[in-house]
Amino acid sequence: MEDARLFFPATERNREPIAATLKTWLPYGAVVLEVASGSGEHALWFQRQLPDIHWQTSDPDPAHRRSISAWIRHPPGAPDLPEPLALDVESRPWPLLQKLEQHLDAVVAINLIHIAPWSCCQALIQEAAGRLSAGGALILYGPFRRGGQHTSDSNAAFDQSLRDRDPRWGVRDLEAVEQLASDSELTLEQLQAMPANNLCLLFRR
């Protein structure tokens, strides 16, 4: 039988610092929706590092969802991790999210908004703001510009490579993201510097 698991090298590099940040930001027993879950490697790692967290993956790509399912089943597996949802952030309004409709503590997006159009960031923030429980968090991870400037030469080169692939993509201005969140009544509460010139942002509803 063909192994449907996908392997994204960046996941192994950043999963530990992201997990350490999530441990301090998420309440015990938190219900979390991860959008654009990709291969599923992050979800598997987080479920093992934070076993009290109820982590729900999602992705619009069938190949990614197959990979997530394969990782869930692959020994030693992750029996507490539910099957991924078919969710396209830009397809609005988001569909009913099963039990997440009753309570949702956090929406997490890792390395998403710079490899998608600005409209994806708009949809993500606005939909999250409308679905998070009171006091819930939107958590974003990735590279950002600050004050209109890149924080490193490597980020500037990465930004150019993204725009060469698709002019709608690119490293986002932190201030623009913060303003968009503020317009949806989400407040930037925490900003954590991460390895490789990335940031982790927590917006609170």
C-alpha atoms as a PDB file:
ATOM      1  CA  MET A   1       0.000   0.000   0.000  1.00  0.00           C
ATOM      2  CA  GLU A   2       1.339   3.425  -0.961  1.00  0.00           C
ATOM      3  CA  ASP A   3       2.531   5.592   1.916  1.00  0.00           C
ATOM      4  CA  ALA A   4       0.555   8.850   1.669  1.00  0.00           C
ATOM      5  CA  ARG A   5       2.639  10.652   4.281  1.00  0.00           C
ATOM      6  CA  LEU A   6       4.298  13.883   3.164  1.00  0.00           C
ATOM      7  CA  PHE A   7       7.485  15.233   4.719  1.00  0.00           C
ATOM      8  CA  PHE A   8       8.055  18.999   4.950  1.00  0.00           C
ATOM      9  CA  PRO A   9      11.652  19.747   6.086  1.00  0.00           C
ATOM     10  CA  ALA A  10      10.743  23.074   7.719  1.00  0.00           C
ATOM     11  CA  THR A  11       8.462  21.271  10.157  1.00  0.00           C
ATOM     12  CA  GLU A  12      11.286  19.444  11.878  1.00  0.00           C
ATOM     13  CA  ARG A  13      13.237  22.691  12.208  1.00  0.00           C
ATOM     14  CA  ASN A  14      10.500  24.782  13.807  1.00  0.00           C
ATOM     15  CA  ARG A  15       8.201  22.346  15.609  1.00  0.00           C
ATOM     16  CA  GLU A  16      10.007  22.447  18.960  1.00  0.00           C
ATOM     17  CA  PRO A  17      10.081  26.252  19.422  1.00  0.00           C
ATOM     18  CA  ILE A  18       6.481  26.531  18.222  1.00  0.00           C
ATOM     19  CA  ALA A  19       5.376  23.804  20.639  1.00  0.00           C
ATOM     20  CA  ALA A  20       7.205  25.536  23.498  1.00  0.00           C
ATOM     21  CA  THR A  21       5.358  28.774  22.719  1.00  0.00           C
ATOM     22  CA  LEU A  22       1.992  27.053  22.436  1.00  0.00           C
ATOM     23  CA  LYS A  23       2.531  25.453  25.846  1.00  0.00           C
ATOM     24  CA  THR A  24       2.678  28.893  27.430  1.00  0.00           C
ATOM     25  CA  TRP A  25      -0.147  30.411  25.372  1.00  0.00           C
ATOM     26  CA  LEU A  26      -2.849  27.733  25.273  1.00  0.00           C
ATOM     27  CA  PRO A  27      -4.979  26.917  28.325  1.00  0.00           C
ATOM     28  CA  TYR A  28      -5.205  23.368  29.622  1.00  0.00           C
ATOM     29  CA  GLY A  29      -7.641  21.328  27.538  1.00  0.00           C
ATOM     30  CA  ALA A  30      -7.833  23.965  24.795  1.00  0.00           C
ATOM     31  CA  VAL A  31      -9.836  23.233  21.644  1.00  0.00           C
ATOM     32  CA  VAL A  32      -7.715  24.302  18.669  1.00  0.00           C
ATOM     33  CA  LEU A  33      -8.369  24.541  14.938  1.00  0.00           C
ATOM     34  CA  GLU A  34      -5.253  24.490  12.772  1.00  0.00           C
ATOM     35  CA  VAL A  35      -5.844  25.844   9.271  1.00  0.00           C
ATOM     36  CA  ALA A  36      -3.667  24.878   6.296  1.00  0.00           C
ATOM     37  CA  SER A  37      -2.226  21.961   8.268  1.00  0.00           C
ATOM     38  CA  GLY A  38      -0.116  20.767   5.346  1.00  0.00           C
ATOM     39  CA  SER A  39       1.521  17.391   5.828  1.00  0.00           C
ATOM     40  CA  GLY A  40       0.168  16.941   9.357  1.00  0.00           C
ATOM     41  CA  GLU A  41       3.619  16.686  10.920  1.00  0.00           C
ATOM     42  CA  HIS A  42       3.089  19.737  13.118  1.00  0.00           C
ATOM     43  CA  ALA A  43      -0.230  18.418  14.407  1.00  0.00           C
ATOM     44  CA  LEU A  44       1.277  15.047  15.249  1.00  0.00           C
ATOM     45  CA  TRP A  45       4.142  16.660  17.151  1.00  0.00           C
ATOM     46  CA  PHE A  46       1.919  19.092  19.018  1.00  0.00           C
ATOM     47  CA  GLN A  47      -0.523  16.353  20.001  1.00  0.00           C
ATOM     48  CA  ARG A  48       2.337  14.381  21.530  1.00  0.00           C
ATOM     49  CA  GLN A  49       3.922  17.384  23.253  1.00  0.00           C
ATOM     50  CA  LEU A  50       0.616  18.842  24.480  1.00  0.00           C
ATOM     51  CA  PRO A  51      -1.563  15.764  25.062  1.00  0.00           C
ATOM     52  CA  ASP A  52      -4.259  17.734  26.894  1.00  0.00           C
ATOM     53  CA  ILE A  53      -4.946  19.882  23.803  1.00  0.00           C
ATOM     54  CA  HIS A  54      -7.790  18.949  21.442  1.00  0.00           C
ATOM     55  CA  TRP A  55      -6.138  19.641  18.078  1.00  0.00           C
ATOM     56  CA  GLN A  56      -8.248  19.684  14.902  1.00  0.00           C
ATOM     57  CA  THR A  57      -6.405  19.796  11.582  1.00  0.00           C
ATOM     58  CA  SER A  58      -7.777  21.118   8.299  1.00  0.00           C
ATOM     59  CA  ASP A  59      -6.571  21.683   4.751  1.00  0.00           C
ATOM     60  CA  PRO A  60      -8.128  22.347   1.332  1.00  0.00           C
ATOM     61  CA  ASP A  61      -5.706  20.008  -0.483  1.00  0.00           C
ATOM     62  CA  PRO A  62      -6.836  16.350  -0.665  1.00  0.00           C
ATOM     63  CA  ALA A  63      -3.203  15.184  -0.822  1.00  0.00           C
ATOM     64  CA  HIS A  64      -2.472  17.033   2.399  1.00  0.00           C
ATOM     65  CA  ARG A  65      -5.520  15.560   4.103  1.00  0.00           C
ATOM     66  CA  ARG A  66      -4.455  12.076   3.003  1.00  0.00           C
ATOM     67  CA  SER A  67      -1.022  12.758   4.476  1.00  0.00           C
ATOM     68  CA  ILE A  68      -2.536  13.892   7.770  1.00  0.00           C
ATOM     69  CA  SER A  69      -4.672  10.752   7.929  1.00  0.00           C
ATOM     70  CA  ALA A  70      -1.642   8.601   7.129  1.00  0.00           C
ATOM     71  CA  TRP A  71       0.401  10.226   9.883  1.00  0.00           C
ATOM     72  CA  ILE A  72      -2.442   9.642  12.341  1.00  0.00           C
ATOM     73  CA  ARG A  73      -2.416   5.920  11.504  1.00  0.00           C
ATOM     74  CA  HIS A  74       1.337   5.418  11.148  1.00  0.00           C
ATOM     75  CA  PRO A  75       2.872   3.701  14.229  1.00  0.00           C
ATOM     76  CA  PRO A  76       2.978   4.851  16.953  1.00  0.00           C
ATOM     77  CA  GLY A  77       0.170   6.970  15.546  1.00  0.00           C
ATOM     78  CA  ALA A  78      -1.967   9.619  17.177  1.00  0.00           C
ATOM     79  CA  PRO A  79      -5.274   7.993  18.094  1.00  0.00           C
ATOM     80  CA  ASP A  80      -6.491  11.150  19.856  1.00  0.00           C
ATOM     81  CA  LEU A  81      -6.016  13.277  16.731  1.00  0.00           C
ATOM     82  CA  PRO A  82      -9.261  13.480  14.709  1.00  0.00           C
ATOM     83  CA  GLU A  83      -9.386  13.189  10.933  1.00  0.00           C
ATOM     84  CA  PRO A  84      -8.697  16.446   9.052  1.00  0.00           C
ATOM     85  CA  LEU A  85     -11.466  18.763   7.894  1.00  0.00           C
ATOM     86  CA  ALA A  86     -11.743  19.976   4.294  1.00  0.00           C
ATOM     87  CA  LEU A  87     -11.448  23.712   4.892  1.00  0.00           C
ATOM     88  CA  ASP A  88     -10.336  26.421   2.473  1.00  0.00           C
ATOM     89  CA  VAL A  89      -9.661  29.599   4.439  1.00  0.00           C
ATOM     90  CA  GLU A  90     -10.732  31.809   1.527  1.00  0.00           C
ATOM     91  CA  SER A  91     -13.994  29.960   0.903  1.00  0.00           C
ATOM     92  CA  ARG A  92     -16.379  32.003   3.015  1.00  0.00           C
ATOM     93  CA  PRO A  93     -18.312  31.627   5.140  1.00  0.00           C
ATOM     94  CA  TRP A  94     -16.456  28.678   6.599  1.00  0.00           C
ATOM     95  CA  PRO A  95     -18.615  25.556   6.840  1.00  0.00           C
ATOM     96  CA  LEU A  96     -19.937  24.236  10.117  1.00  0.00           C
ATOM     97  CA  LEU A  97     -16.999  22.891  12.088  1.00  0.00           C
ATOM     98  CA  GLN A  98     -18.706  20.110  14.022  1.00  0.00           C
ATOM     99  CA  LYS A  99     -18.053  20.357  17.775  1.00  0.00           C
ATOM    100  CA  LEU A 100     -15.865  23.434  17.218  1.00  0.00           C
ATOM    101  CA  GLU A 101     -19.055  25.434  16.755  1.00  0.00           C
ATOM    102  CA  GLN A 102     -19.792  25.148  20.489  1.00  0.00           C
ATOM    103  CA  HIS A 103     -16.337  26.086  21.778  1.00  0.00           C
ATOM    104  CA  LEU A 104     -13.109  27.160  20.086  1.00  0.00           C
ATOM    105  CA  ASP A 105     -10.149  28.394  22.136  1.00  0.00           C
ATOM    106  CA  ALA A 106      -7.678  29.034  19.333  1.00  0.00           C
ATOM    107  CA  VAL A 107      -7.157  29.159  15.590  1.00  0.00           C
ATOM    108  CA  VAL A 108      -3.566  28.469  14.537  1.00  0.00           C
ATOM    109  CA  ALA A 109      -1.974  29.238  11.158  1.00  0.00           C
ATOM    110  CA  ILE A 110       1.661  28.271  10.607  1.00  0.00           C
ATOM    111  CA  ASN A 111       3.504  29.588   7.542  1.00  0.00           C
ATOM    112  CA  LEU A 112       0.308  30.500   5.726  1.00  0.00           C
ATOM    113  CA  ILE A 113      -0.274  34.177   5.100  1.00  0.00           C
ATOM    114  CA  HIS A 114       2.976  34.835   3.183  1.00  0.00           C
ATOM    115  CA  ILE A 115       2.287  32.031   0.679  1.00  0.00           C
ATOM    116  CA  ALA A 116      -1.262  33.136  -0.045  1.00  0.00           C
ATOM    117  CA  PRO A 117      -2.980  36.291  -1.316  1.00  0.00           C
ATOM    118  CA  TRP A 118      -3.741  39.101   1.124  1.00  0.00           C
ATOM    119  CA  SER A 119      -7.394  38.087   0.804  1.00  0.00           C
ATOM    120  CA  CYS A 120      -6.478  34.853   2.604  1.00  0.00           C
ATOM    121  CA  CYS A 121      -5.171  36.818   5.584  1.00  0.00           C
ATOM    122  CA  GLN A 122      -8.345  38.904   5.568  1.00  0.00           C
ATOM    123  CA  ALA A 123     -10.559  35.818   5.501  1.00  0.00           C
ATOM    124  CA  LEU A 124      -8.524  34.076   8.201  1.00  0.00           C
ATOM    125  CA  ILE A 125      -8.706  36.976  10.630  1.00  0.00           C
ATOM    126  CA  GLN A 126     -12.351  37.810  10.019  1.00  0.00           C
ATOM    127  CA  GLU A 127     -13.573  34.208  10.192  1.00  0.00           C
ATOM    128  CA  ALA A 128     -11.480  33.471  13.285  1.00  0.00           C
ATOM    129  CA  ALA A 129     -12.802  36.585  15.005  1.00  0.00           C
ATOM    130  CA  GLY A 130     -16.354  35.453  14.382  1.00  0.00           C
ATOM    131  CA  ARG A 131     -15.828  31.886  15.585  1.00  0.00           C
ATOM    132  CA  LEU A 132     -13.480  32.086  18.552  1.00  0.00           C
ATOM    133  CA  SER A 133     -14.967  31.806  22.005  1.00  0.00           C
ATOM    134  CA  ALA A 134     -14.685  34.855  24.269  1.00  0.00           C
ATOM    135  CA  GLY A 135     -11.038  35.214  25.237  1.00  0.00           C
ATOM    136  CA  GLY A 136      -9.961  32.925  22.387  1.00  0.00           C
ATOM    137  CA  ALA A 137      -6.739  33.401  20.439  1.00  0.00           C
ATOM    138  CA  LEU A 138      -5.636  33.623  16.834  1.00  0.00           C
ATOM    139  CA  ILE A 139      -2.015  32.473  16.632  1.00  0.00           C
ATOM    140  CA  LEU A 140       0.091  33.208  13.547  1.00  0.00           C
ATOM    141  CA  TYR A 141       3.626  31.976  12.862  1.00  0.00           C
ATOM    142  CA  GLY A 142       5.933  33.076  10.071  1.00  0.00           C
ATOM    143  CA  PRO A 143       8.159  35.905   8.804  1.00  0.00           C
ATOM    144  CA  PHE A 144       6.964  39.513   9.027  1.00  0.00           C
ATOM    145  CA  ARG A 145       8.223  42.937   8.043  1.00  0.00           C
ATOM    146  CA  ARG A 146       8.314  45.546  10.811  1.00  0.00           C
ATOM    147  CA  GLY A 147       7.989  49.241  10.138  1.00  0.00           C
ATOM    148  CA  GLY A 148       7.953  48.453   6.438  1.00  0.00           C
ATOM    149  CA  GLN A 149      11.403  46.845   6.626  1.00  0.00           C
ATOM    150  CA  HIS A 150      12.558  43.256   6.499  1.00  0.00           C
ATOM    151  CA  THR A 151      14.160  42.002   9.697  1.00  0.00           C
ATOM    152  CA  SER A 152      16.980  40.198   7.863  1.00  0.00           C
ATOM    153  CA  ASP A 153      18.572  39.877   4.431  1.00  0.00           C
ATOM    154  CA  SER A 154      17.382  36.280   4.254  1.00  0.00           C
ATOM    155  CA  ASN A 155      13.777  37.379   4.788  1.00  0.00           C
ATOM    156  CA  ALA A 156      14.150  39.984   2.032  1.00  0.00           C
ATOM    157  CA  ALA A 157      15.458  37.335  -0.366  1.00  0.00           C
ATOM    158  CA  PHE A 158      12.682  34.960   0.659  1.00  0.00           C
ATOM    159  CA  ASP A 159      10.091  37.680   0.072  1.00  0.00           C
ATOM    160  CA  GLN A 160      11.426  38.309  -3.438  1.00  0.00           C
ATOM    161  CA  SER A 161      11.374  34.589  -4.239  1.00  0.00           C
ATOM    162  CA  LEU A 162       7.744  34.402  -3.127  1.00  0.00           C
ATOM    163  CA  ARG A 163       6.744  37.395  -5.267  1.00  0.00           C
ATOM    164  CA  ASP A 164       8.573  35.897  -8.244  1.00  0.00           C
ATOM    165  CA  ARG A 165       6.430  32.775  -7.876  1.00  0.00           C
ATOM    166  CA  ASP A 166       3.187  34.698  -7.390  1.00  0.00           C
ATOM    167  CA  PRO A 167       2.941  38.505  -7.164  1.00  0.00           C
ATOM    168  CA  ARG A 168       0.039  38.124  -4.712  1.00  0.00           C
ATOM    169  CA  TRP A 169       2.329  36.401  -2.197  1.00  0.00           C
ATOM    170  CA  GLY A 170       4.938  37.926   0.077  1.00  0.00           C
ATOM    171  CA  VAL A 171       6.120  38.565   3.619  1.00  0.00           C
ATOM    172  CA  ARG A 172       3.439  40.671   5.310  1.00  0.00           C
ATOM    173  CA  ASP A 173       3.792  43.904   7.248  1.00  0.00           C
ATOM    174  CA  LEU A 174       3.175  43.237  10.922  1.00  0.00           C
ATOM    175  CA  GLU A 175       1.433  46.578  11.292  1.00  0.00           C
ATOM    176  CA  ALA A 176      -0.987  45.805   8.439  1.00  0.00           C
ATOM    177  CA  VAL A 177      -1.863  42.447   9.980  1.00  0.00           C
ATOM    178  CA  GLU A 178      -2.299  44.064  13.387  1.00  0.00           C
ATOM    179  CA  GLN A 179      -4.622  46.712  11.914  1.00  0.00           C
ATOM    180  CA  LEU A 180      -6.668  44.080  10.102  1.00  0.00           C
ATOM    181  CA  ALA A 181      -7.015  42.158  13.358  1.00  0.00           C
ATOM    182  CA  SER A 182      -7.955  45.303  15.258  1.00  0.00           C
ATOM    183  CA  ASP A 183     -10.698  45.993  12.709  1.00  0.00           C
ATOM    184  CA  SER A 184     -12.148  42.600  13.696  1.00  0.00           C
ATOM    185  CA  GLU A 185     -11.770  43.336  17.422  1.00  0.00           C
ATOM    186  CA  LEU A 186      -8.731  41.118  17.888  1.00  0.00           C
ATOM    187  CA  THR A 187      -5.907  42.620  19.954  1.00  0.00           C
ATOM    188  CA  LEU A 188      -2.226  41.765  19.568  1.00  0.00           C
ATOM    189  CA  GLU A 189      -1.426  40.527  23.062  1.00  0.00           C
ATOM    190  CA  GLN A 190       1.879  38.694  22.640  1.00  0.00           C
ATOM    191  CA  LEU A 191       4.728  38.708  20.142  1.00  0.00           C
ATOM    192  CA  GLN A 192       7.422  36.063  20.437  1.00  0.00           C
ATOM    193  CA  ALA A 193      10.669  36.134  18.456  1.00  0.00           C
ATOM    194  CA  MET A 194      11.389  32.715  16.965  1.00  0.00           C
ATOM    195  CA  PRO A 195      14.414  31.099  15.286  1.00  0.00           C
ATOM    196  CA  ALA A 196      15.286  31.896  11.662  1.00  0.00           C
ATOM    197  CA  ASN A 197      13.853  35.442  11.852  1.00  0.00           C
ATOM    198  CA  ASN A 198      10.259  34.328  12.343  1.00  0.00           C
ATOM    199  CA  LEU A 199       7.647  35.612  14.773  1.00  0.00           C
ATOM    200  CA  CYS A 200       4.777  34.036  16.648  1.00  0.00           C
ATOM    201  CA  LEU A 201       1.822  36.369  17.210  1.00  0.00           C
ATOM    202  CA  LEU A 202      -1.108  35.966  19.580  1.00  0.00           C
ATOM    203  CA  PHE A 203      -4.237  38.008  18.911  1.00  0.00           C
ATOM    204  CA  ARG A 204      -6.889  37.865  21.617  1.00  0.00           C
ATOM    205  CA  ARG A 205     -10.628  38.137  21.085  1.00  0.00           C
END
